[in-house]
Amino acid sequence: MSTTFNDRDTLWELIEDIKFAMFTTRHANGHLHSRPMTTQNSKLDEQTSLWFFVGRDNELVEDIATDPQVNVAYGDPGSDTWVSVSGEARLVEDRAKKEALWSKMTEAWFPGGIDDPNLGLLEVQITHAHYWDVKDSKLVQLIKMATSAVTGNPPKHMGETGEVRMK
């Protein structure tokens, strides 16, 4: 089943418990480059943005200066939830937002705290997301795949897939 809708709450429900994402940028040489990043939001904000702390000396900052189009991929194999978020990234100077998102965990990466000169705040304004969400148990999935292998017919109804458009 595939649906398209404009519902940031559904998107957030899918990713809120997945703390780490693979953040993909296009390098100046044209290659795609992914790295693990920690989403800082506790909810999607009014602008439907994802927030990340990043070192200003990180290659990612150079990449988004060249091409701000990014992908942020979330996956939770335990719940069979997969989300691909497309958006536009930018470095933001907003001390109040840094303070609101700051945590002890962040301090491990930026020991200078909010005033660490290397601390950058990265905003990804979401334009589109695509998700795959399987509700069946692993056993039911296995039975469907085994039946498919025996019958030669592709498995059906293996979960929901849908799109969320923000713009």
Protein backbone atom coordinates (compact mmCIF):
# COMPACT_ATOMS: atom_id res chain seq x y z
CA MET A 1 0.00 0.00 0.00
CA SER A 2 1.45 3.37 -1.01
CA THR A 3 0.21 6.78 0.04
CA THR A 4 1.29 10.37 -0.46
CA PHE A 5 0.39 13.02 2.05
CA ASN A 6 1.58 16.15 3.78
CA ASP A 7 1.83 14.99 7.39
CA ARG A 8 4.91 15.81 9.38
CA ASP A 9 3.50 14.03 12.43
CA THR A 10 3.52 10.69 10.59
CA LEU A 11 7.08 11.32 9.45
CA TRP A 12 8.17 12.15 13.00
CA GLU A 13 6.46 9.04 14.41
CA LEU A 14 8.56 6.95 12.04
CA ILE A 15 11.93 8.52 12.91
CA GLU A 16 11.59 9.85 16.47
CA ASP A 17 13.10 6.77 18.11
CA ILE A 18 15.88 6.34 15.54
CA LYS A 19 18.60 8.55 16.96
CA PHE A 20 21.26 7.98 14.32
CA ALA A 21 20.97 8.60 10.61
CA MET A 22 23.21 8.32 7.58
CA PHE A 23 23.66 11.87 6.28
CA THR A 24 24.56 12.01 2.59
CA THR A 25 26.04 14.97 0.73
CA ARG A 26 27.53 15.41 -2.73
CA HIS A 27 31.26 16.09 -2.52
CA ALA A 28 32.85 18.71 -4.79
CA ASN A 29 34.24 15.86 -6.93
CA GLY A 30 30.68 14.65 -7.56
CA HIS A 31 30.83 11.57 -5.35
CA LEU A 32 28.14 10.92 -2.76
CA HIS A 33 29.48 10.77 0.78
CA SER A 34 27.52 9.43 3.77
CA ARG A 35 28.38 9.62 7.43
CA PRO A 36 26.51 8.81 10.66
CA MET A 37 24.97 11.80 12.40
CA THR A 38 22.79 12.23 15.49
CA THR A 39 19.45 13.95 15.04
CA GLN A 40 19.07 16.59 17.76
CA ASN A 41 15.32 17.26 17.51
CA SER A 42 12.93 16.00 20.14
CA LYS A 43 10.14 16.76 17.62
CA LEU A 44 9.85 18.32 14.18
CA ASP A 45 9.80 22.08 14.47
CA GLU A 46 7.42 24.49 12.77
CA GLN A 47 9.63 24.74 9.69
CA THR A 48 9.71 20.92 9.33
CA SER A 49 13.45 20.86 9.86
CA LEU A 50 15.90 18.32 11.20
CA TRP A 51 18.77 19.65 13.30
CA PHE A 52 22.32 18.37 13.72
CA PHE A 53 25.45 19.60 15.46
CA VAL A 54 28.54 19.46 13.27
CA GLY A 55 32.14 20.50 13.51
CA ARG A 56 32.77 23.56 11.36
CA ASP A 57 35.97 21.89 10.20
CA ASN A 58 33.99 18.84 8.99
CA GLU A 59 34.08 18.07 5.27
CA LEU A 60 30.26 17.97 5.38
CA VAL A 61 30.22 21.76 5.83
CA GLU A 62 32.27 22.19 2.64
CA ASP A 63 29.98 19.77 0.81
CA ILE A 64 26.77 21.67 1.64
CA ALA A 65 28.41 24.98 0.71
CA THR A 66 28.89 23.51 -2.77
CA ASP A 67 25.56 21.64 -2.98
CA PRO A 68 22.99 22.03 -0.18
CA GLN A 69 20.78 19.13 -1.40
CA VAL A 70 21.15 16.26 1.09
CA ASN A 71 19.61 12.95 2.04
CA VAL A 72 19.16 11.74 5.60
CA ALA A 73 18.42 7.99 5.85
CA TYR A 74 16.97 6.35 8.95
CA GLY A 75 16.68 2.63 9.53
CA ASP A 76 15.42 0.47 12.36
CA PRO A 77 15.81 -3.23 11.51
CA GLY A 78 14.10 -4.23 14.75
CA SER A 79 10.82 -2.59 13.78
CA ASP A 80 11.40 -2.82 10.00
CA THR A 81 11.07 0.94 9.59
CA TRP A 82 13.05 2.70 6.86
CA VAL A 83 12.86 6.39 5.98
CA SER A 84 14.68 8.43 3.35
CA VAL A 85 14.47 12.20 3.86
CA SER A 86 15.47 14.70 1.16
CA GLY A 87 16.06 18.33 1.94
CA GLU A 88 18.23 21.38 1.78
CA ALA A 89 20.94 21.88 4.40
CA ARG A 90 22.45 25.07 5.72
CA LEU A 91 24.70 26.13 8.56
CA VAL A 92 22.75 28.32 11.00
CA GLU A 93 23.97 30.84 13.56
CA ASP A 94 21.34 30.67 16.32
CA ARG A 95 22.60 30.56 19.88
CA ALA A 96 19.09 30.09 21.33
CA LYS A 97 18.53 27.04 19.10
CA LYS A 98 21.93 25.62 20.07
CA GLU A 99 21.01 26.01 23.74
CA ALA A 100 17.61 24.40 23.20
CA LEU A 101 19.16 21.37 21.47
CA TRP A 102 22.27 21.04 23.65
CA SER A 103 22.79 17.87 25.68
CA LYS A 104 25.51 16.22 27.74
CA MET A 105 26.01 13.79 24.86
CA THR A 106 26.84 16.70 22.55
CA GLU A 107 29.42 17.92 25.03
CA ALA A 108 31.42 14.74 24.43
CA TRP A 109 31.99 15.94 20.85
CA PHE A 110 32.27 19.65 21.64
CA PRO A 111 33.96 20.00 25.06
CA GLY A 112 33.96 23.80 24.71
CA GLY A 113 30.18 23.74 25.08
CA ILE A 114 27.85 26.15 23.31
CA ASP A 115 30.76 28.57 22.90
CA ASP A 116 33.04 26.01 21.24
CA PRO A 117 34.28 27.86 18.14
CA ASN A 118 34.10 24.63 16.12
CA LEU A 119 30.41 24.01 16.99
CA GLY A 120 28.17 24.40 13.99
CA LEU A 121 24.40 24.02 13.86
CA LEU A 122 23.09 22.38 10.73
CA GLU A 123 19.46 22.67 9.64
CA VAL A 124 17.93 20.39 7.04
CA GLN A 125 14.67 21.79 5.70
CA ILE A 126 12.71 18.72 4.63
CA THR A 127 11.22 18.76 1.15
CA HIS A 128 10.26 15.12 0.76
CA ALA A 129 10.43 11.80 2.58
CA HIS A 130 9.76 8.24 1.49
CA TYR A 131 9.16 5.46 3.98
CA TRP A 132 8.76 1.71 4.23
CA ASP A 133 7.11 0.41 7.38
CA VAL A 134 6.45 -3.29 7.94
CA LYS A 135 3.82 -4.07 10.56
CA ASP A 136 3.95 -7.90 10.28
CA SER A 137 6.06 -9.90 12.70
CA LYS A 138 9.30 -11.47 11.46
CA LEU A 139 7.57 -14.86 11.48
CA VAL A 140 4.72 -13.65 9.25
CA GLN A 141 7.24 -12.03 6.90
CA LEU A 142 9.21 -15.28 6.72
CA ILE A 143 6.05 -17.27 5.92
CA LYS A 144 5.12 -14.81 3.15
CA MET A 145 8.61 -15.05 1.64
CA ALA A 146 8.65 -18.85 1.89
CA THR A 147 5.24 -19.03 0.22
CA SER A 148 6.57 -16.78 -2.50
CA ALA A 149 9.60 -19.02 -3.03
CA VAL A 150 7.36 -22.08 -3.35
CA THR A 151 4.72 -20.50 -5.61
CA GLY A 152 7.08 -18.37 -7.67
CA ASN A 153 4.87 -15.32 -7.04
CA PRO A 154 6.38 -12.21 -5.45
CA PRO A 155 5.33 -11.63 -1.83
CA LYS A 156 2.42 -9.23 -1.36
CA HIS A 157 1.38 -6.93 1.44
CA MET A 158 4.82 -6.83 3.02
CA GLY A 159 4.13 -3.47 4.66
CA GLU A 160 3.29 0.12 3.97
CA THR A 161 5.22 2.45 1.76
CA GLY A 162 4.42 6.12 1.37
CA GLU A 163 5.62 9.61 0.75
CA VAL A 164 5.47 12.79 2.79
CA ARG A 165 5.81 16.04 0.87
CA MET A 166 6.65 19.16 2.82
CA LYS A 167 6.90 21.63 -0.06
